[in-house]
Amino acid sequence: MCSRKSKAFIEKIIDELQPDVVILEDPSAKNSRKRERVRKLIKDVVLTCNDKDINVYQYSREHIQNVFEQFGKTTKYGIAVSISEWFPKLKSQLPRPWKLGHSEQHHQGMFDAISLGMTHYYLRD
């Protein structure tokens, strides 16, 4: 479990936004490199959503790559490029390609979130 402060923040956000659905990356997937702290945070989000009867969907990086493979992109950067082509207003936020020894750019998270939403759209029942 994460700290009480984090748990309170999660509950506050969920109460304010009142989502019908929450879509998250699945940290339990075999190739996930999420740190333990992030895994615990995601678990707390799931538990909070379950307590509030909010549907939670989780997708692995493999799910995302499978969806975007049909567009010829499977890398994080390639997926971000595709998203920026579909949503031109995001082109100015497109992160540079990742290089060994460099940290991921902060805008990458926005593209990761959009890729999760699009994966849900393509894989939903």
C-alpha atoms as a PDB file:
ATOM      1  CA  MET A   1       0.000   0.000   0.000  1.00  0.00           C
ATOM      2  CA  CYS A   2       1.108   3.537  -0.564  1.00  0.00           C
ATOM      3  CA  SER A   3       1.104   6.281   2.011  1.00  0.00           C
ATOM      4  CA  ARG A   4      -2.072   7.688   3.548  1.00  0.00           C
ATOM      5  CA  LYS A   5      -1.320  10.959   1.799  1.00  0.00           C
ATOM      6  CA  SER A   6      -1.185   9.238  -1.607  1.00  0.00           C
ATOM      7  CA  LYS A   7      -4.337   7.241  -0.870  1.00  0.00           C
ATOM      8  CA  ALA A   8      -6.177  10.423   0.150  1.00  0.00           C
ATOM      9  CA  PHE A   9      -5.014  12.128  -3.045  1.00  0.00           C
ATOM     10  CA  ILE A  10      -6.240   9.199  -5.181  1.00  0.00           C
ATOM     11  CA  GLU A  11      -9.631   9.290  -3.490  1.00  0.00           C
ATOM     12  CA  LYS A  12      -9.871  13.078  -3.885  1.00  0.00           C
ATOM     13  CA  ILE A  13      -9.115  12.900  -7.628  1.00  0.00           C
ATOM     14  CA  ILE A  14     -11.597  10.073  -8.190  1.00  0.00           C
ATOM     15  CA  ASP A  15     -14.282  11.887  -6.179  1.00  0.00           C
ATOM     16  CA  GLU A  16     -13.716  15.116  -8.114  1.00  0.00           C
ATOM     17  CA  LEU A  17     -13.589  13.572 -11.582  1.00  0.00           C
ATOM     18  CA  GLN A  18     -16.207  10.853 -10.997  1.00  0.00           C
ATOM     19  CA  PRO A  19     -14.985   8.658 -13.871  1.00  0.00           C
ATOM     20  CA  ASP A  20     -17.110   5.866 -15.304  1.00  0.00           C
ATOM     21  CA  VAL A  21     -13.966   3.968 -16.228  1.00  0.00           C
ATOM     22  CA  VAL A  22     -10.274   4.103 -15.305  1.00  0.00           C
ATOM     23  CA  ILE A  23      -7.636   2.831 -17.730  1.00  0.00           C
ATOM     24  CA  LEU A  24      -4.169   1.969 -16.428  1.00  0.00           C
ATOM     25  CA  GLU A  25      -1.010   0.273 -17.554  1.00  0.00           C
ATOM     26  CA  ASP A  26      -0.769  -3.247 -16.153  1.00  0.00           C
ATOM     27  CA  PRO A  27       2.328  -3.372 -13.931  1.00  0.00           C
ATOM     28  CA  SER A  28       1.957  -7.125 -13.398  1.00  0.00           C
ATOM     29  CA  ALA A  29       2.664  -7.907 -17.068  1.00  0.00           C
ATOM     30  CA  LYS A  30       5.759 -10.060 -17.483  1.00  0.00           C
ATOM     31  CA  ASN A  31       7.802  -7.366 -19.281  1.00  0.00           C
ATOM     32  CA  SER A  32       6.758  -4.473 -17.038  1.00  0.00           C
ATOM     33  CA  ARG A  33       9.629  -2.411 -15.662  1.00  0.00           C
ATOM     34  CA  LYS A  34       7.506  -0.397 -13.248  1.00  0.00           C
ATOM     35  CA  ARG A  35       9.181   0.264  -9.932  1.00  0.00           C
ATOM     36  CA  GLU A  36       7.644  -1.168  -6.785  1.00  0.00           C
ATOM     37  CA  ARG A  37       6.434   2.256  -5.639  1.00  0.00           C
ATOM     38  CA  VAL A  38       4.496   2.711  -8.912  1.00  0.00           C
ATOM     39  CA  ARG A  39       3.122  -0.838  -8.721  1.00  0.00           C
ATOM     40  CA  LYS A  40       1.766  -0.094  -5.239  1.00  0.00           C
ATOM     41  CA  LEU A  41       0.261   3.188  -6.383  1.00  0.00           C
ATOM     42  CA  ILE A  42      -1.508   1.504  -9.317  1.00  0.00           C
ATOM     43  CA  LYS A  43      -2.769  -1.218  -6.964  1.00  0.00           C
ATOM     44  CA  ASP A  44      -4.213   1.460  -4.663  1.00  0.00           C
ATOM     45  CA  VAL A  45      -5.924   3.175  -7.599  1.00  0.00           C
ATOM     46  CA  VAL A  46      -7.488  -0.167  -8.585  1.00  0.00           C
ATOM     47  CA  LEU A  47      -8.621  -0.890  -5.001  1.00  0.00           C
ATOM     48  CA  THR A  48     -10.108   2.593  -4.633  1.00  0.00           C
ATOM     49  CA  CYS A  49     -11.961   2.241  -7.939  1.00  0.00           C
ATOM     50  CA  ASN A  50     -13.252  -1.192  -6.926  1.00  0.00           C
ATOM     51  CA  ASP A  51     -14.545   0.257  -3.635  1.00  0.00           C
ATOM     52  CA  LYS A  52     -16.410   2.921  -5.626  1.00  0.00           C
ATOM     53  CA  ASP A  53     -17.759   0.473  -8.266  1.00  0.00           C
ATOM     54  CA  ILE A  54     -15.712   2.058 -11.059  1.00  0.00           C
ATOM     55  CA  ASN A  55     -14.664  -0.231 -13.900  1.00  0.00           C
ATOM     56  CA  VAL A  56     -10.895  -0.550 -14.243  1.00  0.00           C
ATOM     57  CA  TYR A  57      -9.134  -1.781 -17.375  1.00  0.00           C
ATOM     58  CA  GLN A  58      -5.430  -2.527 -17.441  1.00  0.00           C
ATOM     59  CA  TYR A  59      -3.311  -3.017 -20.545  1.00  0.00           C
ATOM     60  CA  SER A  60       0.296  -4.103 -20.851  1.00  0.00           C
ATOM     61  CA  ARG A  61       2.926  -2.523 -23.105  1.00  0.00           C
ATOM     62  CA  GLU A  62       2.437  -5.607 -25.272  1.00  0.00           C
ATOM     63  CA  HIS A  63      -1.270  -4.789 -25.717  1.00  0.00           C
ATOM     64  CA  ILE A  64      -0.372  -1.241 -26.724  1.00  0.00           C
ATOM     65  CA  GLN A  65       2.297  -2.438 -29.148  1.00  0.00           C
ATOM     66  CA  ASN A  66      -0.135  -4.938 -30.697  1.00  0.00           C
ATOM     67  CA  VAL A  67      -2.712  -2.216 -31.318  1.00  0.00           C
ATOM     68  CA  PHE A  68      -0.206   0.224 -32.808  1.00  0.00           C
ATOM     69  CA  GLU A  69       1.509  -2.462 -34.869  1.00  0.00           C
ATOM     70  CA  GLN A  70      -1.357  -2.171 -37.358  1.00  0.00           C
ATOM     71  CA  PHE A  71      -0.174   1.413 -37.946  1.00  0.00           C
ATOM     72  CA  GLY A  72       3.434   0.301 -38.372  1.00  0.00           C
ATOM     73  CA  LYS A  73       4.608   1.600 -34.968  1.00  0.00           C
ATOM     74  CA  THR A  74       5.642  -0.383 -31.907  1.00  0.00           C
ATOM     75  CA  THR A  75       8.211   1.794 -30.117  1.00  0.00           C
ATOM     76  CA  LYS A  76       7.177   4.463 -27.634  1.00  0.00           C
ATOM     77  CA  TYR A  77       8.553   7.137 -29.931  1.00  0.00           C
ATOM     78  CA  GLY A  78       6.862   5.658 -33.012  1.00  0.00           C
ATOM     79  CA  ILE A  79       3.550   5.485 -31.179  1.00  0.00           C
ATOM     80  CA  ALA A  80       3.963   9.112 -30.065  1.00  0.00           C
ATOM     81  CA  VAL A  81       4.664  10.141 -33.680  1.00  0.00           C
ATOM     82  CA  SER A  82       1.463   8.400 -34.841  1.00  0.00           C
ATOM     83  CA  ILE A  83      -0.557  10.134 -32.127  1.00  0.00           C
ATOM     84  CA  SER A  84       0.918  13.526 -33.057  1.00  0.00           C
ATOM     85  CA  GLU A  85      -0.043  12.899 -36.706  1.00  0.00           C
ATOM     86  CA  TRP A  86      -3.635  12.113 -35.714  1.00  0.00           C
ATOM     87  CA  PHE A  87      -3.787  15.039 -33.287  1.00  0.00           C
ATOM     88  CA  PRO A  88      -1.695  17.815 -34.907  1.00  0.00           C
ATOM     89  CA  LYS A  89      -1.990  20.133 -31.883  1.00  0.00           C
ATOM     90  CA  LEU A  90       0.243  17.678 -30.033  1.00  0.00           C
ATOM     91  CA  LYS A  91       3.131  17.924 -32.534  1.00  0.00           C
ATOM     92  CA  SER A  92       4.790  20.667 -30.503  1.00  0.00           C
ATOM     93  CA  GLN A  93       4.768  18.334 -27.474  1.00  0.00           C
ATOM     94  CA  LEU A  94       6.332  15.382 -29.306  1.00  0.00           C
ATOM     95  CA  PRO A  95       9.306  14.155 -27.281  1.00  0.00           C
ATOM     96  CA  ARG A  96      12.666  13.522 -28.902  1.00  0.00           C
ATOM     97  CA  PRO A  97      13.547   9.888 -29.577  1.00  0.00           C
ATOM     98  CA  TRP A  98      14.909   8.219 -26.452  1.00  0.00           C
ATOM     99  CA  LYS A  99      18.664   7.633 -26.304  1.00  0.00           C
ATOM    100  CA  LEU A 100      20.599   5.295 -24.052  1.00  0.00           C
ATOM    101  CA  GLY A 101      21.716   7.140 -20.939  1.00  0.00           C
ATOM    102  CA  HIS A 102      19.038   9.837 -21.242  1.00  0.00           C
ATOM    103  CA  SER A 103      15.899  10.024 -19.146  1.00  0.00           C
ATOM    104  CA  GLU A 104      12.475   9.975 -20.719  1.00  0.00           C
ATOM    105  CA  GLN A 105      11.061  13.414 -21.499  1.00  0.00           C
ATOM    106  CA  HIS A 106       8.160  14.580 -19.358  1.00  0.00           C
ATOM    107  CA  HIS A 107       5.765  14.911 -22.316  1.00  0.00           C
ATOM    108  CA  GLN A 108       6.109  11.182 -23.004  1.00  0.00           C
ATOM    109  CA  GLY A 109       3.624  10.471 -20.205  1.00  0.00           C
ATOM    110  CA  MET A 110       0.906  12.354 -22.068  1.00  0.00           C
ATOM    111  CA  PHE A 111       1.477  10.222 -25.162  1.00  0.00           C
ATOM    112  CA  ASP A 112       1.543   7.069 -23.016  1.00  0.00           C
ATOM    113  CA  ALA A 113      -1.854   8.002 -21.548  1.00  0.00           C
ATOM    114  CA  ILE A 114      -3.322   8.639 -24.990  1.00  0.00           C
ATOM    115  CA  SER A 115      -1.941   5.311 -26.238  1.00  0.00           C
ATOM    116  CA  LEU A 116      -3.651   3.564 -23.302  1.00  0.00           C
ATOM    117  CA  GLY A 117      -6.961   5.225 -24.159  1.00  0.00           C
ATOM    118  CA  MET A 118      -6.631   4.252 -27.799  1.00  0.00           C
ATOM    119  CA  THR A 119      -5.688   0.684 -26.863  1.00  0.00           C
ATOM    120  CA  HIS A 120      -8.839   0.485 -24.732  1.00  0.00           C
ATOM    121  CA  TYR A 121     -10.887   1.781 -27.653  1.00  0.00           C
ATOM    122  CA  TYR A 122      -9.496  -0.863 -30.026  1.00  0.00           C
ATOM    123  CA  LEU A 123      -9.645  -3.786 -27.568  1.00  0.00           C
ATOM    124  CA  ARG A 124     -12.915  -3.117 -25.754  1.00  0.00           C
ATOM    125  CA  ASP A 125     -15.737  -5.610 -26.142  1.00  0.00           C
END
